[in-house]
Amino acid sequence: MSLVVASIELKIPDNTAFTAYDALARMGLTAVADVKHSEIWVVDADALPAEIQSALKRTEIIFNPNKHVLRMLGSDHPAPGEIWVATPSRVHERERHLLEQAGLPRVRNVESRARWLLLDRRGDPCSRATLERAQDLLANPAYQDAFIA
């Protein structure tokens, strides 16, 4: 039984991150100098972590090798400078089924989150106060939950 947390990151320019950066700048968040965006996938299955990673890479609606890089994370919680946004009502039944088709036995749970990393001018993670202001733009409190380190 393994719980794997993977970040699916773009290796091509990310218009979503650029748009978020522009909006944060217009909100007056001058402490933010760069925004990175990726999708976090949390998979709980009866498999070794390497097998889960391989299955994620074979599941085309999650990972496209032409435009994505998969990076394994050591925690299922945000790191400094990060905001993770979850949509609790979203069900990942299709993704669970596709991961099983990709060879994973007994996938117990699949969850996803949007990951936002906000960096200051030095390239360091932004402060918690900055993240708390930014979460109002990056997560809709009506149906999403935002998690800050």
C-alpha atoms as a PDB file:
ATOM      1  CA  MET A   1       0.000   0.000   0.000  1.00  0.00           C
ATOM      2  CA  SER A   2       1.483   3.327  -1.103  1.00  0.00           C
ATOM      3  CA  LEU A   3       0.396   6.922  -1.067  1.00  0.00           C
ATOM      4  CA  VAL A   4       2.123   8.844  -3.852  1.00  0.00           C
ATOM      5  CA  VAL A   5       2.039  12.607  -4.373  1.00  0.00           C
ATOM      6  CA  ALA A   6       3.155  13.731  -7.819  1.00  0.00           C
ATOM      7  CA  SER A   7       3.393  17.141  -9.432  1.00  0.00           C
ATOM      8  CA  ILE A   8       2.601  17.310 -13.147  1.00  0.00           C
ATOM      9  CA  GLU A   9       4.389  20.394 -14.431  1.00  0.00           C
ATOM     10  CA  LEU A  10       4.460  22.009 -17.852  1.00  0.00           C
ATOM     11  CA  LYS A  11       7.755  22.149 -19.713  1.00  0.00           C
ATOM     12  CA  ILE A  12       6.239  24.614 -22.178  1.00  0.00           C
ATOM     13  CA  PRO A  13       5.248  28.231 -21.369  1.00  0.00           C
ATOM     14  CA  ASP A  14       2.345  28.314 -18.920  1.00  0.00           C
ATOM     15  CA  ASN A  15      -0.286  30.892 -19.872  1.00  0.00           C
ATOM     16  CA  THR A  16      -2.333  30.106 -16.761  1.00  0.00           C
ATOM     17  CA  ALA A  17       0.571  31.044 -14.481  1.00  0.00           C
ATOM     18  CA  PHE A  18       1.271  34.180 -16.504  1.00  0.00           C
ATOM     19  CA  THR A  19      -2.380  35.255 -16.300  1.00  0.00           C
ATOM     20  CA  ALA A  20      -2.435  34.645 -12.538  1.00  0.00           C
ATOM     21  CA  TYR A  21       0.789  36.653 -12.127  1.00  0.00           C
ATOM     22  CA  ASP A  22      -0.694  39.543 -14.112  1.00  0.00           C
ATOM     23  CA  ALA A  23      -3.903  39.515 -12.035  1.00  0.00           C
ATOM     24  CA  LEU A  24      -1.958  39.382  -8.744  1.00  0.00           C
ATOM     25  CA  ALA A  25       0.139  42.351  -9.877  1.00  0.00           C
ATOM     26  CA  ARG A  26      -3.035  44.306 -10.701  1.00  0.00           C
ATOM     27  CA  MET A  27      -4.294  43.463  -7.183  1.00  0.00           C
ATOM     28  CA  GLY A  28      -1.234  45.276  -5.825  1.00  0.00           C
ATOM     29  CA  LEU A  29       0.714  42.200  -4.709  1.00  0.00           C
ATOM     30  CA  THR A  30       4.095  43.662  -5.637  1.00  0.00           C
ATOM     31  CA  ALA A  31       5.911  41.080  -3.484  1.00  0.00           C
ATOM     32  CA  VAL A  32       5.076  38.431  -6.118  1.00  0.00           C
ATOM     33  CA  ALA A  33       7.707  38.339  -8.874  1.00  0.00           C
ATOM     34  CA  ASP A  34       6.918  34.910 -10.374  1.00  0.00           C
ATOM     35  CA  VAL A  35       4.091  32.375 -10.326  1.00  0.00           C
ATOM     36  CA  LYS A  36       4.465  28.657 -11.067  1.00  0.00           C
ATOM     37  CA  HIS A  37       1.454  26.401 -11.618  1.00  0.00           C
ATOM     38  CA  SER A  38       1.117  22.614 -11.716  1.00  0.00           C
ATOM     39  CA  GLU A  39      -1.356  19.843 -10.983  1.00  0.00           C
ATOM     40  CA  ILE A  40      -0.874  17.679  -7.909  1.00  0.00           C
ATOM     41  CA  TRP A  41      -2.102  14.092  -8.033  1.00  0.00           C
ATOM     42  CA  VAL A  42      -2.433  12.065  -4.834  1.00  0.00           C
ATOM     43  CA  VAL A  43      -2.837   8.339  -5.500  1.00  0.00           C
ATOM     44  CA  ASP A  44      -3.404   5.634  -2.884  1.00  0.00           C
ATOM     45  CA  ALA A  45      -2.999   2.130  -4.347  1.00  0.00           C
ATOM     46  CA  ASP A  46      -1.702  -1.367  -3.650  1.00  0.00           C
ATOM     47  CA  ALA A  47       1.522  -0.786  -5.580  1.00  0.00           C
ATOM     48  CA  LEU A  48       5.064   0.423  -5.165  1.00  0.00           C
ATOM     49  CA  PRO A  49       5.647   4.165  -5.632  1.00  0.00           C
ATOM     50  CA  ALA A  50       7.570   3.526  -8.877  1.00  0.00           C
ATOM     51  CA  GLU A  51       4.605   1.555 -10.240  1.00  0.00           C
ATOM     52  CA  ILE A  52       2.210   4.387  -9.401  1.00  0.00           C
ATOM     53  CA  GLN A  53       4.547   6.892 -11.045  1.00  0.00           C
ATOM     54  CA  SER A  54       4.724   4.728 -14.163  1.00  0.00           C
ATOM     55  CA  ALA A  55       0.926   4.373 -14.299  1.00  0.00           C
ATOM     56  CA  LEU A  56       0.511   8.156 -13.980  1.00  0.00           C
ATOM     57  CA  LYS A  57       2.849   8.617 -16.950  1.00  0.00           C
ATOM     58  CA  ARG A  58       0.772   6.144 -19.001  1.00  0.00           C
ATOM     59  CA  THR A  59      -2.540   7.871 -18.245  1.00  0.00           C
ATOM     60  CA  GLU A  60      -2.938  10.395 -21.045  1.00  0.00           C
ATOM     61  CA  ILE A  61      -5.594  12.594 -19.432  1.00  0.00           C
ATOM     62  CA  ILE A  62      -3.142  13.208 -16.587  1.00  0.00           C
ATOM     63  CA  PHE A  63       0.257  13.208 -18.294  1.00  0.00           C
ATOM     64  CA  ASN A  64       1.408  14.072 -21.825  1.00  0.00           C
ATOM     65  CA  PRO A  65       5.154  13.398 -22.290  1.00  0.00           C
ATOM     66  CA  ASN A  66       5.348  16.057 -25.009  1.00  0.00           C
ATOM     67  CA  LYS A  67       4.443  18.855 -22.615  1.00  0.00           C
ATOM     68  CA  HIS A  68       4.668  17.554 -19.024  1.00  0.00           C
ATOM     69  CA  VAL A  69       7.306  16.633 -16.470  1.00  0.00           C
ATOM     70  CA  LEU A  70       6.352  14.436 -13.507  1.00  0.00           C
ATOM     71  CA  ARG A  71       8.062  15.179 -10.204  1.00  0.00           C
ATOM     72  CA  MET A  72       7.482  13.142  -7.059  1.00  0.00           C
ATOM     73  CA  LEU A  73       6.803  15.159  -3.909  1.00  0.00           C
ATOM     74  CA  GLY A  74       7.713  14.136  -0.390  1.00  0.00           C
ATOM     75  CA  SER A  75       4.541  15.439   1.256  1.00  0.00           C
ATOM     76  CA  ASP A  76       0.819  15.731   0.658  1.00  0.00           C
ATOM     77  CA  HIS A  77       0.869  19.267   2.122  1.00  0.00           C
ATOM     78  CA  PRO A  78       1.984  22.544   0.547  1.00  0.00           C
ATOM     79  CA  ALA A  79       5.578  23.696   0.935  1.00  0.00           C
ATOM     80  CA  PRO A  80       6.498  27.303   1.808  1.00  0.00           C
ATOM     81  CA  GLY A  81       5.274  29.711  -0.858  1.00  0.00           C
ATOM     82  CA  GLU A  82       2.632  27.282  -2.126  1.00  0.00           C
ATOM     83  CA  ILE A  83      -1.143  27.386  -2.249  1.00  0.00           C
ATOM     84  CA  TRP A  84      -2.892  24.111  -3.088  1.00  0.00           C
ATOM     85  CA  VAL A  85      -6.471  24.401  -4.303  1.00  0.00           C
ATOM     86  CA  ALA A  86      -8.846  21.442  -4.059  1.00  0.00           C
ATOM     87  CA  THR A  87     -12.387  21.052  -5.317  1.00  0.00           C
ATOM     88  CA  PRO A  88     -13.949  18.702  -2.723  1.00  0.00           C
ATOM     89  CA  SER A  89     -16.985  17.904  -4.854  1.00  0.00           C
ATOM     90  CA  ARG A  90     -14.847  16.656  -7.749  1.00  0.00           C
ATOM     91  CA  VAL A  91     -14.899  12.883  -8.129  1.00  0.00           C
ATOM     92  CA  HIS A  92     -11.953  11.197  -9.878  1.00  0.00           C
ATOM     93  CA  GLU A  93     -13.664   7.940 -10.788  1.00  0.00           C
ATOM     94  CA  ARG A  94     -12.567   8.119 -14.439  1.00  0.00           C
ATOM     95  CA  GLU A  95      -8.937   8.704 -13.452  1.00  0.00           C
ATOM     96  CA  ARG A  96      -9.080   5.848 -10.908  1.00  0.00           C
ATOM     97  CA  HIS A  97     -10.400   3.501 -13.599  1.00  0.00           C
ATOM     98  CA  LEU A  98      -7.723   4.597 -16.102  1.00  0.00           C
ATOM     99  CA  LEU A  99      -4.944   4.087 -13.541  1.00  0.00           C
ATOM    100  CA  GLU A 100      -6.242   0.568 -12.931  1.00  0.00           C
ATOM    101  CA  GLN A 101      -6.232  -0.011 -16.691  1.00  0.00           C
ATOM    102  CA  ALA A 102      -2.616   1.197 -16.698  1.00  0.00           C
ATOM    103  CA  GLY A 103      -1.758  -1.701 -14.373  1.00  0.00           C
ATOM    104  CA  LEU A 104      -2.315  -0.464 -10.822  1.00  0.00           C
ATOM    105  CA  PRO A 105      -4.065  -2.976  -8.590  1.00  0.00           C
ATOM    106  CA  ARG A 106      -6.729  -1.709  -6.214  1.00  0.00           C
ATOM    107  CA  VAL A 107      -6.575   2.043  -6.519  1.00  0.00           C
ATOM    108  CA  ARG A 108      -8.267   3.147  -3.310  1.00  0.00           C
ATOM    109  CA  ASN A 109      -8.274   6.877  -3.861  1.00  0.00           C
ATOM    110  CA  VAL A 110      -7.290   9.510  -6.411  1.00  0.00           C
ATOM    111  CA  GLU A 111      -7.337  13.244  -5.702  1.00  0.00           C
ATOM    112  CA  SER A 112      -6.048  16.276  -7.542  1.00  0.00           C
ATOM    113  CA  ARG A 113      -5.189  19.814  -6.574  1.00  0.00           C
ATOM    114  CA  ALA A 114      -3.984  22.880  -8.403  1.00  0.00           C
ATOM    115  CA  ARG A 115      -0.592  23.948  -7.051  1.00  0.00           C
ATOM    116  CA  TRP A 116       0.479  27.584  -7.106  1.00  0.00           C
ATOM    117  CA  LEU A 117       4.018  28.571  -6.127  1.00  0.00           C
ATOM    118  CA  LEU A 118       4.536  32.287  -5.534  1.00  0.00           C
ATOM    119  CA  LEU A 119       8.104  33.591  -5.552  1.00  0.00           C
ATOM    120  CA  ASP A 120       9.543  36.966  -4.601  1.00  0.00           C
ATOM    121  CA  ARG A 121      12.196  38.952  -6.513  1.00  0.00           C
ATOM    122  CA  ARG A 122      15.015  36.874  -4.976  1.00  0.00           C
ATOM    123  CA  GLY A 123      13.344  33.652  -6.119  1.00  0.00           C
ATOM    124  CA  ASP A 124      12.381  32.761  -2.543  1.00  0.00           C
ATOM    125  CA  PRO A 125       8.871  31.659  -1.479  1.00  0.00           C
ATOM    126  CA  CYS A 126       6.520  34.550  -0.735  1.00  0.00           C
ATOM    127  CA  SER A 127       5.376  35.190   2.837  1.00  0.00           C
ATOM    128  CA  ARG A 128       2.266  33.655   4.348  1.00  0.00           C
ATOM    129  CA  ALA A 129       0.633  37.121   4.412  1.00  0.00           C
ATOM    130  CA  THR A 130       1.121  37.408   0.640  1.00  0.00           C
ATOM    131  CA  LEU A 131      -0.252  33.896   0.112  1.00  0.00           C
ATOM    132  CA  GLU A 132      -3.332  34.688   2.201  1.00  0.00           C
ATOM    133  CA  ARG A 133      -4.080  37.697  -0.016  1.00  0.00           C
ATOM    134  CA  ALA A 134      -3.388  35.746  -3.217  1.00  0.00           C
ATOM    135  CA  GLN A 135      -5.668  32.844  -2.311  1.00  0.00           C
ATOM    136  CA  ASP A 136      -8.682  35.103  -2.877  1.00  0.00           C
ATOM    137  CA  LEU A 137      -7.809  35.145  -6.580  1.00  0.00           C
ATOM    138  CA  LEU A 138      -6.470  31.603  -6.945  1.00  0.00           C
ATOM    139  CA  ALA A 139      -9.322  29.746  -5.193  1.00  0.00           C
ATOM    140  CA  ASN A 140     -13.062  30.316  -5.277  1.00  0.00           C
ATOM    141  CA  PRO A 141     -14.255  29.944  -1.657  1.00  0.00           C
ATOM    142  CA  ALA A 142     -17.763  29.073  -2.851  1.00  0.00           C
ATOM    143  CA  TYR A 143     -16.659  25.616  -3.985  1.00  0.00           C
ATOM    144  CA  GLN A 144     -12.903  25.249  -3.504  1.00  0.00           C
ATOM    145  CA  ASP A 145     -10.618  24.798  -0.503  1.00  0.00           C
ATOM    146  CA  ALA A 146      -7.233  26.542  -0.387  1.00  0.00           C
ATOM    147  CA  PHE A 147      -4.367  25.125   1.660  1.00  0.00           C
ATOM    148  CA  ILE A 148      -1.310  27.201   2.597  1.00  0.00           C
ATOM    149  CA  ALA A 149       1.921  25.922   4.179  1.00  0.00           C
END
